Amino acid sequence: MADYQIRQIVLSTEDLDASIQFYESLGFSVKFRDGSHYAALDGGAVTISLATPIDHPMPGRAVLGLRTEDVDGAAKAVEAAGGAIVKAPYDDAHERRTTVYDNQGNCLVFYQPLGR
């Protein structure tokens, strides 16, 4: 098994309330909301994240979120495999993360929750 777990898909929205309403009408419930710019919906094993450009790593594109125990190592592995770093590893309020492109230009975010 890989050292990475697909745990999140990040979708773009310009209107968080309208997006939440749409997904709630399909039966998804909100697990977490951060103001008017981000919400995490319960998609079972995979979280469906809705993000405005403030919180979206690559606005306008679907992004795959991969949980790992080593964000820095994941960034190095991506580069070694022919991908590219979009945003180097950094800590935000909730997690350590890096945004990368795979070797075909698809956007991935590797993240590790911070134990704060």
PDB file of N, CA and C in Angstrom:
ATOM      1  N   MET A   1       0.840  -1.185   0.000  1.00  0.00           N
ATOM      2  CA  MET A   1       0.000   0.000   0.000  1.00  0.00           C
ATOM      3  C   MET A   1       0.883   1.246   0.000  1.00  0.00           C
ATOM      4  N   ALA A   2       0.469   2.237  -0.705  1.00  0.00           N
ATOM      5  CA  ALA A   2       1.208   3.498  -0.798  1.00  0.00           C
ATOM      6  C   ALA A   2       1.215   4.221   0.542  1.00  0.00           C
ATOM      7  N   ASP A   3       2.184   5.119   0.695  1.00  0.00           N
ATOM      8  CA  ASP A   3       2.266   5.933   1.910  1.00  0.00           C
ATOM      9  C   ASP A   3       1.305   7.117   1.856  1.00  0.00           C
ATOM     10  N   TYR A   4       0.469   7.169   0.842  1.00  0.00           N
ATOM     11  CA  TYR A   4      -0.464   8.272   0.654  1.00  0.00           C
ATOM     12  C   TYR A   4      -1.880   7.720   0.601  1.00  0.00           C
ATOM     13  N   GLN A   5      -2.819   8.441   1.183  1.00  0.00           N
ATOM     14  CA  GLN A   5      -4.223   8.049   1.169  1.00  0.00           C
ATOM     15  C   GLN A   5      -5.039   9.126   0.479  1.00  0.00           C
ATOM     16  N   ILE A   6      -5.835   8.743  -0.512  1.00  0.00           N
ATOM     17  CA  ILE A   6      -6.745   9.702  -1.132  1.00  0.00           C
ATOM     18  C   ILE A   6      -7.863   9.951  -0.141  1.00  0.00           C
ATOM     19  N   ARG A   7      -7.905  11.180   0.370  1.00  0.00           N
ATOM     20  CA  ARG A   7      -8.862  11.504   1.412  1.00  0.00           C
ATOM     21  C   ARG A   7      -9.731  12.709   1.075  1.00  0.00           C
ATOM     22  N   GLN A   8      -9.398  13.397  -0.036  1.00  0.00           N
ATOM     23  CA  GLN A   8     -10.096  14.656  -0.289  1.00  0.00           C
ATOM     24  C   GLN A   8     -10.086  14.987  -1.775  1.00  0.00           C
ATOM     25  N   ILE A   9     -11.188  15.540  -2.235  1.00  0.00           N
ATOM     26  CA  ILE A   9     -11.279  16.142  -3.560  1.00  0.00           C
ATOM     27  C   ILE A   9     -11.718  17.578  -3.326  1.00  0.00           C
ATOM     28  N   VAL A  10     -10.948  18.532  -3.851  1.00  0.00           N
ATOM     29  CA  VAL A  10     -11.244  19.951  -3.657  1.00  0.00           C
ATOM     30  C   VAL A  10     -11.875  20.488  -4.934  1.00  0.00           C
ATOM     31  N   LEU A  11     -13.080  21.004  -4.813  1.00  0.00           N
ATOM     32  CA  LEU A  11     -13.804  21.581  -5.943  1.00  0.00           C
ATOM     33  C   LEU A  11     -13.880  23.092  -5.774  1.00  0.00           C
ATOM     34  N   SER A  12     -13.870  23.798  -6.887  1.00  0.00           N
ATOM     35  CA  SER A  12     -13.954  25.261  -6.877  1.00  0.00           C
ATOM     36  C   SER A  12     -15.394  25.735  -6.769  1.00  0.00           C
ATOM     37  N   THR A  13     -15.557  26.859  -6.087  1.00  0.00           N
ATOM     38  CA  THR A  13     -16.853  27.526  -6.041  1.00  0.00           C
ATOM     39  C   THR A  13     -16.633  29.025  -5.910  1.00  0.00           C
ATOM     40  N   GLU A  14     -17.531  29.773  -6.482  1.00  0.00           N
ATOM     41  CA  GLU A  14     -17.551  31.227  -6.291  1.00  0.00           C
ATOM     42  C   GLU A  14     -18.619  31.611  -5.273  1.00  0.00           C
ATOM     43  N   ASP A  15     -19.537  30.664  -4.998  1.00  0.00           N
ATOM     44  CA  ASP A  15     -20.650  30.908  -4.077  1.00  0.00           C
ATOM     45  C   ASP A  15     -20.772  29.704  -3.155  1.00  0.00           C
ATOM     46  N   LEU A  16     -20.117  29.769  -2.006  1.00  0.00           N
ATOM     47  CA  LEU A  16     -20.069  28.636  -1.097  1.00  0.00           C
ATOM     48  C   LEU A  16     -21.461  28.212  -0.641  1.00  0.00           C
ATOM     49  N   ASP A  17     -22.307  29.164  -0.288  1.00  0.00           N
ATOM     50  CA  ASP A  17     -23.650  28.807   0.172  1.00  0.00           C
ATOM     51  C   ASP A  17     -24.426  28.036  -0.889  1.00  0.00           C
ATOM     52  N   ALA A  18     -24.359  28.481  -2.130  1.00  0.00           N
ATOM     53  CA  ALA A  18     -25.074  27.799  -3.217  1.00  0.00           C
ATOM     54  C   ALA A  18     -24.504  26.402  -3.439  1.00  0.00           C
ATOM     55  N   SER A  19     -23.181  26.267  -3.340  1.00  0.00           N
ATOM     56  CA  SER A  19     -22.563  24.951  -3.522  1.00  0.00           C
ATOM     57  C   SER A  19     -22.953  24.001  -2.396  1.00  0.00           C
ATOM     58  N   ILE A  20     -22.939  24.507  -1.172  1.00  0.00           N
ATOM     59  CA  ILE A  20     -23.352  23.672  -0.039  1.00  0.00           C
ATOM     60  C   ILE A  20     -24.793  23.215  -0.227  1.00  0.00           C
ATOM     61  N   GLN A  21     -25.658  24.136  -0.605  1.00  0.00           N
ATOM     62  CA  GLN A  21     -27.066  23.795  -0.808  1.00  0.00           C
ATOM     63  C   GLN A  21     -27.204  22.701  -1.874  1.00  0.00           C
ATOM     64  N   PHE A  22     -26.452  22.817  -2.962  1.00  0.00           N
ATOM     65  CA  PHE A  22     -26.499  21.817  -4.032  1.00  0.00           C
ATOM     66  C   PHE A  22     -26.109  20.439  -3.495  1.00  0.00           C
ATOM     67  N   TYR A  23     -24.963  20.351  -2.816  1.00  0.00           N
ATOM     68  CA  TYR A  23     -24.484  19.052  -2.340  1.00  0.00           C
ATOM     69  C   TYR A  23     -25.339  18.504  -1.201  1.00  0.00           C
ATOM     70  N   GLU A  24     -25.891  19.379  -0.361  1.00  0.00           N
ATOM     71  CA  GLU A  24     -26.821  18.902   0.663  1.00  0.00           C
ATOM     72  C   GLU A  24     -28.070  18.304   0.022  1.00  0.00           C
ATOM     73  N   SER A  25     -28.512  18.868  -1.106  1.00  0.00           N
ATOM     74  CA  SER A  25     -29.687  18.324  -1.788  1.00  0.00           C
ATOM     75  C   SER A  25     -29.411  16.935  -2.361  1.00  0.00           C
ATOM     76  N   LEU A  26     -28.122  16.602  -2.525  1.00  0.00           N
ATOM     77  CA  LEU A  26     -27.741  15.268  -2.987  1.00  0.00           C
ATOM     78  C   LEU A  26     -27.489  14.310  -1.818  1.00  0.00           C
ATOM     79  N   GLY A  27     -27.651  14.812  -0.593  1.00  0.00           N
ATOM     80  CA  GLY A  27     -27.526  13.957   0.575  1.00  0.00           C
ATOM     81  C   GLY A  27     -26.225  14.086   1.354  1.00  0.00           C
ATOM     82  N   PHE A  28     -25.316  14.953   0.935  1.00  0.00           N
ATOM     83  CA  PHE A  28     -24.059  15.156   1.655  1.00  0.00           C
ATOM     84  C   PHE A  28     -24.284  16.144   2.795  1.00  0.00           C
ATOM     85  N   SER A  29     -23.602  15.927   3.920  1.00  0.00           N
ATOM     86  CA  SER A  29     -23.727  16.849   5.043  1.00  0.00           C
ATOM     87  C   SER A  29     -22.404  17.565   5.291  1.00  0.00           C
ATOM     88  N   VAL A  30     -22.509  18.770   5.844  1.00  0.00           N
ATOM     89  CA  VAL A  30     -21.328  19.584   6.136  1.00  0.00           C
ATOM     90  C   VAL A  30     -20.667  19.049   7.406  1.00  0.00           C
ATOM     91  N   LYS A  31     -19.355  18.747   7.299  1.00  0.00           N
ATOM     92  CA  LYS A  31     -18.567  18.315   8.466  1.00  0.00           C
ATOM     93  C   LYS A  31     -17.884  19.496   9.131  1.00  0.00           C
ATOM     94  N   PHE A  32     -17.497  20.472   8.316  1.00  0.00           N
ATOM     95  CA  PHE A  32     -16.713  21.606   8.802  1.00  0.00           C
ATOM     96  C   PHE A  32     -16.902  22.757   7.833  1.00  0.00           C
ATOM     97  N   ARG A  33     -17.002  23.959   8.382  1.00  0.00           N
ATOM     98  CA  ARG A  33     -17.108  25.152   7.548  1.00  0.00           C
ATOM     99  C   ARG A  33     -16.191  26.229   8.107  1.00  0.00           C
ATOM    100  N   ASP A  34     -15.473  26.899   7.216  1.00  0.00           N
ATOM    101  CA  ASP A  34     -14.593  27.999   7.608  1.00  0.00           C
ATOM    102  C   ASP A  34     -15.081  29.255   6.900  1.00  0.00           C
ATOM    103  N   GLY A  35     -15.961  29.984   7.570  1.00  0.00           N
ATOM    104  CA  GLY A  35     -16.475  31.240   7.030  1.00  0.00           C
ATOM    105  C   GLY A  35     -17.212  31.057   5.718  1.00  0.00           C
ATOM    106  N   SER A  36     -16.961  32.003   4.818  1.00  0.00           N
ATOM    107  CA  SER A  36     -17.633  31.974   3.514  1.00  0.00           C
ATOM    108  C   SER A  36     -16.703  31.499   2.403  1.00  0.00           C
ATOM    109  N   HIS A  37     -15.596  30.829   2.795  1.00  0.00           N
ATOM    110  CA  HIS A  37     -14.628  30.452   1.755  1.00  0.00           C
ATOM    111  C   HIS A  37     -14.268  28.978   1.697  1.00  0.00           C
ATOM    112  N   TYR A  38     -14.713  28.146   2.672  1.00  0.00           N
ATOM    113  CA  TYR A  38     -14.347  26.734   2.639  1.00  0.00           C
ATOM    114  C   TYR A  38     -15.363  25.909   3.419  1.00  0.00           C
ATOM    115  N   ALA A  39     -15.692  24.737   2.889  1.00  0.00           N
ATOM    116  CA  ALA A  39     -16.529  23.771   3.600  1.00  0.00           C
ATOM    117  C   ALA A  39     -16.085  22.366   3.227  1.00  0.00           C
ATOM    118  N   ALA A  40     -16.134  21.479   4.209  1.00  0.00           N
ATOM    119  CA  ALA A  40     -15.825  20.065   3.998  1.00  0.00           C
ATOM    120  C   ALA A  40     -17.117  19.279   4.160  1.00  0.00           C
ATOM    121  N   LEU A  41     -17.440  18.469   3.166  1.00  0.00           N
ATOM    122  CA  LEU A  41     -18.657  17.671   3.181  1.00  0.00           C
ATOM    123  C   LEU A  41     -18.308  16.209   3.404  1.00  0.00           C
ATOM    124  N   ASP A  42     -19.184  15.504   4.102  1.00  0.00           N
ATOM    125  CA  ASP A  42     -18.970  14.091   4.370  1.00  0.00           C
ATOM    126  C   ASP A  42     -19.260  13.280   3.120  1.00  0.00           C
ATOM    127  N   GLY A  43     -18.188  12.775   2.514  1.00  0.00           N
ATOM    128  CA  GLY A  43     -18.321  11.926   1.342  1.00  0.00           C
ATOM    129  C   GLY A  43     -17.917  10.498   1.648  1.00  0.00           C
ATOM    130  N   GLY A  44     -18.036  10.106   2.912  1.00  0.00           N
ATOM    131  CA  GLY A  44     -17.600   8.768   3.318  1.00  0.00           C
ATOM    132  C   GLY A  44     -16.099   8.764   3.524  1.00  0.00           C
ATOM    133  N   ALA A  45     -15.402   7.872   2.850  1.00  0.00           N
ATOM    134  CA  ALA A  45     -13.946   7.764   3.003  1.00  0.00           C
ATOM    135  C   ALA A  45     -13.212   8.958   2.408  1.00  0.00           C
ATOM    136  N   VAL A  46     -13.867   9.680   1.515  1.00  0.00           N
ATOM    137  CA  VAL A  46     -13.250  10.834   0.849  1.00  0.00           C
ATOM    138  C   VAL A  46     -14.082  12.080   1.160  1.00  0.00           C
ATOM    139  N   THR A  47     -13.400  13.122   1.630  1.00  0.00           N
ATOM    140  CA  THR A  47     -14.069  14.391   1.912  1.00  0.00           C
ATOM    141  C   THR A  47     -14.219  15.183   0.623  1.00  0.00           C
ATOM    142  N   ILE A  48     -15.386  15.741   0.405  1.00  0.00           N
ATOM    143  CA  ILE A  48     -15.606  16.661  -0.712  1.00  0.00           C
ATOM    144  C   ILE A  48     -15.443  18.065  -0.152  1.00  0.00           C
ATOM    145  N   SER A  49     -14.401  18.747  -0.575  1.00  0.00           N
ATOM    146  CA  SER A  49     -14.143  20.108  -0.107  1.00  0.00           C
ATOM    147  C   SER A  49     -14.606  21.100  -1.155  1.00  0.00           C
ATOM    148  N   LEU A  50     -15.276  22.128  -0.688  1.00  0.00           N
ATOM    149  CA  LEU A  50     -15.717  23.223  -1.547  1.00  0.00           C
ATOM    150  C   LEU A  50     -14.924  24.444  -1.129  1.00  0.00           C
ATOM    151  N   ALA A  51     -14.232  25.068  -2.078  1.00  0.00           N
ATOM    152  CA  ALA A  51     -13.358  26.180  -1.718  1.00  0.00           C
ATOM    153  C   ALA A  51     -13.466  27.311  -2.722  1.00  0.00           C
ATOM    154  N   THR A  52     -13.541  28.526  -2.179  1.00  0.00           N
ATOM    155  CA  THR A  52     -13.472  29.717  -3.017  1.00  0.00           C
ATOM    156  C   THR A  52     -11.996  29.981  -3.323  1.00  0.00           C
ATOM    157  N   PRO A  53     -11.704  30.915  -4.207  1.00  0.00           N
ATOM    158  CA  PRO A  53     -10.300  31.192  -4.540  1.00  0.00           C
ATOM    159  C   PRO A  53      -9.411  31.528  -3.334  1.00  0.00           C
ATOM    160  N   ILE A  54     -10.000  31.978  -2.236  1.00  0.00           N
ATOM    161  CA  ILE A  54      -9.212  32.286  -1.031  1.00  0.00           C
ATOM    162  C   ILE A  54      -8.506  31.040  -0.502  1.00  0.00           C
ATOM    163  N   ASP A  55      -9.198  29.891  -0.514  1.00  0.00           N
ATOM    164  CA  ASP A  55      -8.662  28.654   0.063  1.00  0.00           C
ATOM    165  C   ASP A  55      -8.342  27.567  -0.953  1.00  0.00           C
ATOM    166  N   HIS A  56      -8.684  27.767  -2.197  1.00  0.00           N
ATOM    167  CA  HIS A  56      -8.469  26.716  -3.200  1.00  0.00           C
ATOM    168  C   HIS A  56      -7.029  26.755  -3.697  1.00  0.00           C
ATOM    169  N   PRO A  57      -6.339  25.607  -3.698  1.00  0.00           N
ATOM    170  CA  PRO A  57      -4.945  25.597  -4.133  1.00  0.00           C
ATOM    171  C   PRO A  57      -4.757  25.880  -5.624  1.00  0.00           C
ATOM    172  N   MET A  58      -5.777  25.627  -6.437  1.00  0.00           N
ATOM    173  CA  MET A  58      -5.696  25.851  -7.872  1.00  0.00           C
ATOM    174  C   MET A  58      -7.110  26.174  -8.366  1.00  0.00           C
ATOM    175  N   PRO A  59      -7.577  27.420  -8.120  1.00  0.00           N
ATOM    176  CA  PRO A  59      -8.963  27.778  -8.440  1.00  0.00           C
ATOM    177  C   PRO A  59      -9.356  27.396  -9.872  1.00  0.00           C
ATOM    178  N   GLY A  60     -10.578  26.880  -9.979  1.00  0.00           N
ATOM    179  CA  GLY A  60     -11.105  26.497 -11.278  1.00  0.00           C
ATOM    180  C   GLY A  60     -10.820  25.056 -11.669  1.00  0.00           C
ATOM    181  N   ARG A  61     -10.048  24.347 -10.858  1.00  0.00           N
ATOM    182  CA  ARG A  61      -9.699  22.965 -11.182  1.00  0.00           C
ATOM    183  C   ARG A  61     -10.055  22.046 -10.016  1.00  0.00           C
ATOM    184  N   ALA A  62     -10.363  20.820 -10.333  1.00  0.00           N
ATOM    185  CA  ALA A  62     -10.531  19.811  -9.290  1.00  0.00           C
ATOM    186  C   ALA A  62      -9.138  19.388  -8.844  1.00  0.00           C
ATOM    187  N   VAL A  63      -8.961  19.239  -7.549  1.00  0.00           N
ATOM    188  CA  VAL A  63      -7.661  18.894  -6.980  1.00  0.00           C
ATOM    189  C   VAL A  63      -7.828  17.675  -6.077  1.00  0.00           C
ATOM    190  N   LEU A  64      -6.928  16.730  -6.219  1.00  0.00           N
ATOM    191  CA  LEU A  64      -6.935  15.540  -5.393  1.00  0.00           C
ATOM    192  C   LEU A  64      -6.095  15.785  -4.155  1.00  0.00           C
ATOM    193  N   GLY A  65      -6.656  15.534  -2.973  1.00  0.00           N
ATOM    194  CA  GLY A  65      -5.936  15.698  -1.711  1.00  0.00           C
ATOM    195  C   GLY A  65      -5.462  14.357  -1.193  1.00  0.00           C
ATOM    196  N   LEU A  66      -4.161  14.236  -0.949  1.00  0.00           N
ATOM    197  CA  LEU A  66      -3.574  12.989  -0.471  1.00  0.00           C
ATOM    198  C   LEU A  66      -2.981  13.193   0.916  1.00  0.00           C
ATOM    199  N   ARG A  67      -3.485  12.439   1.869  1.00  0.00           N
ATOM    200  CA  ARG A  67      -2.969  12.527   3.236  1.00  0.00           C
ATOM    201  C   ARG A  67      -1.686  11.707   3.328  1.00  0.00           C
ATOM    202  N   THR A  68      -0.710  12.250   4.027  1.00  0.00           N
ATOM    203  CA  THR A  68       0.573  11.584   4.201  1.00  0.00           C
ATOM    204  C   THR A  68       1.145  11.930   5.569  1.00  0.00           C
ATOM    205  N   GLU A  69       2.112  11.175   5.998  1.00  0.00           N
ATOM    206  CA  GLU A  69       2.829  11.479   7.232  1.00  0.00           C
ATOM    207  C   GLU A  69       4.102  12.264   6.950  1.00  0.00           C
ATOM    208  N   ASP A  70       4.417  12.501   5.663  1.00  0.00           N
ATOM    209  CA  ASP A  70       5.657  13.189   5.300  1.00  0.00           C
ATOM    210  C   ASP A  70       5.435  14.082   4.083  1.00  0.00           C
ATOM    211  N   VAL A  71       4.935  15.281   4.308  1.00  0.00           N
ATOM    212  CA  VAL A  71       4.664  16.232   3.224  1.00  0.00           C
ATOM    213  C   VAL A  71       5.940  16.585   2.472  1.00  0.00           C
ATOM    214  N   ASP A  72       7.009  16.835   3.198  1.00  0.00           N
ATOM    215  CA  ASP A  72       8.268  17.215   2.555  1.00  0.00           C
ATOM    216  C   ASP A  72       8.802  16.084   1.683  1.00  0.00           C
ATOM    217  N   GLY A  73       8.706  14.858   2.186  1.00  0.00           N
ATOM    218  CA  GLY A  73       9.136  13.703   1.405  1.00  0.00           C
ATOM    219  C   GLY A  73       8.280  13.505   0.166  1.00  0.00           C
ATOM    220  N   ALA A  74       6.977  13.767   0.292  1.00  0.00           N
ATOM    221  CA  ALA A  74       6.089  13.645  -0.869  1.00  0.00           C
ATOM    222  C   ALA A  74       6.469  14.650  -1.953  1.00  0.00           C
ATOM    223  N   ALA A  75       6.791  15.883  -1.545  1.00  0.00           N
ATOM    224  CA  ALA A  75       7.189  16.907  -2.519  1.00  0.00           C
ATOM    225  C   ALA A  75       8.452  16.476  -3.254  1.00  0.00           C
ATOM    226  N   LYS A  76       9.417  15.925  -2.522  1.00  0.00           N
ATOM    227  CA  LYS A  76      10.656  15.445  -3.152  1.00  0.00           C
ATOM    228  C   LYS A  76      10.376  14.287  -4.100  1.00  0.00           C
ATOM    229  N   ALA A  77       9.484  13.390  -3.704  1.00  0.00           N
ATOM    230  CA  ALA A  77       9.137  12.247  -4.551  1.00  0.00           C
ATOM    231  C   ALA A  77       8.467  12.700  -5.843  1.00  0.00           C
ATOM    232  N   VAL A  78       7.607  13.707  -5.756  1.00  0.00           N
ATOM    233  CA  VAL A  78       6.944  14.239  -6.952  1.00  0.00           C
ATOM    234  C   VAL A  78       7.969  14.797  -7.921  1.00  0.00           C
ATOM    235  N   GLU A  79       8.892  15.601  -7.411  1.00  0.00           N
ATOM    236  CA  GLU A  79       9.932  16.164  -8.278  1.00  0.00           C
ATOM    237  C   GLU A  79      10.787  15.071  -8.900  1.00  0.00           C
ATOM    238  N   ALA A  80      11.151  14.082  -8.114  1.00  0.00           N
ATOM    239  CA  ALA A  80      11.991  12.991  -8.623  1.00  0.00           C
ATOM    240  C   ALA A  80      11.288  12.188  -9.712  1.00  0.00           C
ATOM    241  N   ALA A  81       9.947  12.141  -9.656  1.00  0.00           N
ATOM    242  CA  ALA A  81       9.170  11.389 -10.636  1.00  0.00           C
ATOM    243  C   ALA A  81       8.789  12.218 -11.861  1.00  0.00           C
ATOM    244  N   GLY A  82       9.254  13.470 -11.925  1.00  0.00           N
ATOM    245  CA  GLY A  82       8.975  14.298 -13.094  1.00  0.00           C
ATOM    246  C   GLY A  82       7.856  15.295 -12.917  1.00  0.00           C
ATOM    247  N   GLY A  83       7.334  15.425 -11.712  1.00  0.00           N
ATOM    248  CA  GLY A  83       6.306  16.424 -11.433  1.00  0.00           C
ATOM    249  C   GLY A  83       6.950  17.742 -11.056  1.00  0.00           C
ATOM    250  N   ALA A  84       6.136  18.693 -10.616  1.00  0.00           N
ATOM    251  CA  ALA A  84       6.651  20.029 -10.287  1.00  0.00           C
ATOM    252  C   ALA A  84       5.979  20.551  -9.018  1.00  0.00           C
ATOM    253  N   ILE A  85       6.740  21.306  -8.249  1.00  0.00           N
ATOM    254  CA  ILE A  85       6.215  21.936  -7.039  1.00  0.00           C
ATOM    255  C   ILE A  85       5.550  23.257  -7.425  1.00  0.00           C
ATOM    256  N   VAL A  86       4.288  23.422  -7.073  1.00  0.00           N
ATOM    257  CA  VAL A  86       3.566  24.671  -7.288  1.00  0.00           C
ATOM    258  C   VAL A  86       3.752  25.563  -6.067  1.00  0.00           C
ATOM    259  N   LYS A  87       3.588  24.985  -4.892  1.00  0.00           N
ATOM    260  CA  LYS A  87       3.789  25.695  -3.629  1.00  0.00           C
ATOM    261  C   LYS A  87       4.538  24.758  -2.690  1.00  0.00           C
ATOM    262  N   ALA A  88       5.724  25.178  -2.289  1.00  0.00           N
ATOM    263  CA  ALA A  88       6.579  24.357  -1.431  1.00  0.00           C
ATOM    264  C   ALA A  88       5.879  24.048  -0.109  1.00  0.00           C
ATOM    265  N   PRO A  89       6.305  22.993   0.578  1.00  0.00           N
ATOM    266  CA  PRO A  89       5.677  22.645   1.854  1.00  0.00           C
ATOM    267  C   PRO A  89       5.641  23.826   2.830  1.00  0.00           C
ATOM    268  N   TYR A  90       4.483  23.966   3.503  1.00  0.00           N
ATOM    269  CA  TYR A  90       4.290  25.038   4.473  1.00  0.00           C
ATOM    270  C   TYR A  90       3.226  24.609   5.476  1.00  0.00           C
ATOM    271  N   ASP A  91       3.180  25.290   6.604  1.00  0.00           N
ATOM    272  CA  ASP A  91       2.163  25.046   7.619  1.00  0.00           C
ATOM    273  C   ASP A  91       1.101  26.132   7.540  1.00  0.00           C
ATOM    274  N   ASP A  92      -0.171  25.704   7.561  1.00  0.00           N
ATOM    275  CA  ASP A  92      -1.255  26.679   7.697  1.00  0.00           C
ATOM    276  C   ASP A  92      -1.886  26.462   9.071  1.00  0.00           C
ATOM    277  N   ALA A  93      -3.067  26.931   9.288  1.00  0.00           N
ATOM    278  CA  ALA A  93      -3.687  26.853  10.605  1.00  0.00           C
ATOM    279  C   ALA A  93      -3.982  25.423  11.053  1.00  0.00           C
ATOM    280  N   HIS A  94      -4.210  24.504  10.091  1.00  0.00           N
ATOM    281  CA  HIS A  94      -4.667  23.169  10.455  1.00  0.00           C
ATOM    282  C   HIS A  94      -3.744  22.037  10.012  1.00  0.00           C
ATOM    283  N   GLU A  95      -2.921  22.282   9.010  1.00  0.00           N
ATOM    284  CA  GLU A  95      -2.130  21.188   8.450  1.00  0.00           C
ATOM    285  C   GLU A  95      -0.870  21.679   7.752  1.00  0.00           C
ATOM    286  N   ARG A  96       0.060  20.764   7.534  1.00  0.00           N
ATOM    287  CA  ARG A  96       1.214  21.009   6.684  1.00  0.00           C
ATOM    288  C   ARG A  96       0.806  20.540   5.297  1.00  0.00           C
ATOM    289  N   ARG A  97       1.157  21.292   4.275  1.00  0.00           N
ATOM    290  CA  ARG A  97       0.739  20.904   2.925  1.00  0.00           C
ATOM    291  C   ARG A  97       1.711  21.402   1.878  1.00  0.00           C
ATOM    292  N   THR A  98       1.600  20.791   0.720  1.00  0.00           N
ATOM    293  CA  THR A  98       2.309  21.239  -0.465  1.00  0.00           C
ATOM    294  C   THR A  98       1.388  21.034  -1.660  1.00  0.00           C
ATOM    295  N   THR A  99       1.455  21.925  -2.626  1.00  0.00           N
ATOM    296  CA  THR A  99       0.672  21.812  -3.856  1.00  0.00           C
ATOM    297  C   THR A  99       1.643  21.504  -4.989  1.00  0.00           C
ATOM    298  N   VAL A 100       1.303  20.485  -5.780  1.00  0.00           N
ATOM    299  CA  VAL A 100       2.199  20.026  -6.837  1.00  0.00           C
ATOM    300  C   VAL A 100       1.406  19.710  -8.106  1.00  0.00           C
ATOM    301  N   TYR A 101       2.139  19.612  -9.216  1.00  0.00           N
ATOM    302  CA  TYR A 101       1.599  19.052 -10.460  1.00  0.00           C
ATOM    303  C   TYR A 101       2.200  17.673 -10.641  1.00  0.00           C
ATOM    304  N   ASP A 102       1.399  16.723 -11.129  1.00  0.00           N
ATOM    305  CA  ASP A 102       1.982  15.454 -11.530  1.00  0.00           C
ATOM    306  C   ASP A 102       2.664  15.646 -12.885  1.00  0.00           C
ATOM    307  N   ASN A 103       3.167  14.583 -13.466  1.00  0.00           N
ATOM    308  CA  ASN A 103       3.923  14.708 -14.717  1.00  0.00           C
ATOM    309  C   ASN A 103       3.044  15.036 -15.923  1.00  0.00           C
ATOM    310  N   GLN A 104       1.715  15.102 -15.724  1.00  0.00           N
ATOM    311  CA  GLN A 104       0.807  15.467 -16.810  1.00  0.00           C
ATOM    312  C   GLN A 104       0.073  16.783 -16.528  1.00  0.00           C
ATOM    313  N   GLY A 105       0.447  17.469 -15.469  1.00  0.00           N
ATOM    314  CA  GLY A 105      -0.144  18.762 -15.165  1.00  0.00           C
ATOM    315  C   GLY A 105      -1.371  18.727 -14.274  1.00  0.00           C
ATOM    316  N   ASN A 106      -1.713  17.565 -13.723  1.00  0.00           N
ATOM    317  CA  ASN A 106      -2.829  17.475 -12.784  1.00  0.00           C
ATOM    318  C   ASN A 106      -2.376  17.964 -11.414  1.00  0.00           C
ATOM    319  N   CYS A 107      -3.254  18.662 -10.725  1.00  0.00           N
ATOM    320  CA  CYS A 107      -2.901  19.256  -9.440  1.00  0.00           C
ATOM    321  C   CYS A 107      -3.210  18.295  -8.292  1.00  0.00           C
ATOM    322  N   LEU A 108      -2.250  18.173  -7.384  1.00  0.00           N
ATOM    323  CA  LEU A 108      -2.385  17.355  -6.186  1.00  0.00           C
ATOM    324  C   LEU A 108      -1.987  18.191  -4.980  1.00  0.00           C
ATOM    325  N   VAL A 109      -2.612  17.939  -3.853  1.00  0.00           N
ATOM    326  CA  VAL A 109      -2.202  18.538  -2.586  1.00  0.00           C
ATOM    327  C   VAL A 109      -1.893  17.390  -1.637  1.00  0.00           C
ATOM    328  N   PHE A 110      -0.677  17.362  -1.132  1.00  0.00           N
ATOM    329  CA  PHE A 110      -0.309  16.428  -0.085  1.00  0.00           C
ATOM    330  C   PHE A 110      -0.433  17.172   1.236  1.00  0.00           C
ATOM    331  N   TYR A 111      -1.060  16.547   2.231  1.00  0.00           N
ATOM    332  CA  TYR A 111      -1.266  17.241   3.501  1.00  0.00           C
ATOM    333  C   TYR A 111      -1.098  16.294   4.680  1.00  0.00           C
ATOM    334  N   GLN A 112      -0.765  16.896   5.819  1.00  0.00           N
ATOM    335  CA  GLN A 112      -0.612  16.179   7.076  1.00  0.00           C
ATOM    336  C   GLN A 112      -1.204  17.048   8.179  1.00  0.00           C
ATOM    337  N   PRO A 113      -2.219  16.548   8.885  1.00  0.00           N
ATOM    338  CA  PRO A 113      -2.775  17.346   9.973  1.00  0.00           C
ATOM    339  C   PRO A 113      -1.707  17.679  11.010  1.00  0.00           C
ATOM    340  N   LEU A 114      -1.779  18.897  11.526  1.00  0.00           N
ATOM    341  CA  LEU A 114      -0.848  19.316  12.568  1.00  0.00           C
ATOM    342  C   LEU A 114      -1.404  18.898  13.920  1.00  0.00           C
ATOM    343  N   GLY A 115      -0.559  18.457  14.781  1.00  0.00           N
ATOM    344  CA  GLY A 115      -0.988  18.017  16.109  1.00  0.00           C
ATOM    345  C   GLY A 115      -1.030  19.141  17.111  1.00  0.00           C
ATOM    346  N   ARG A 116      -1.701  20.218  16.757  1.00  0.00           N
ATOM    347  CA  ARG A 116      -1.778  21.377  17.672  1.00  0.00           C
ATOM    348  C   ARG A 116      -2.976  21.281  18.556  1.00  0.00           C
TER     349      ARG A 116
END
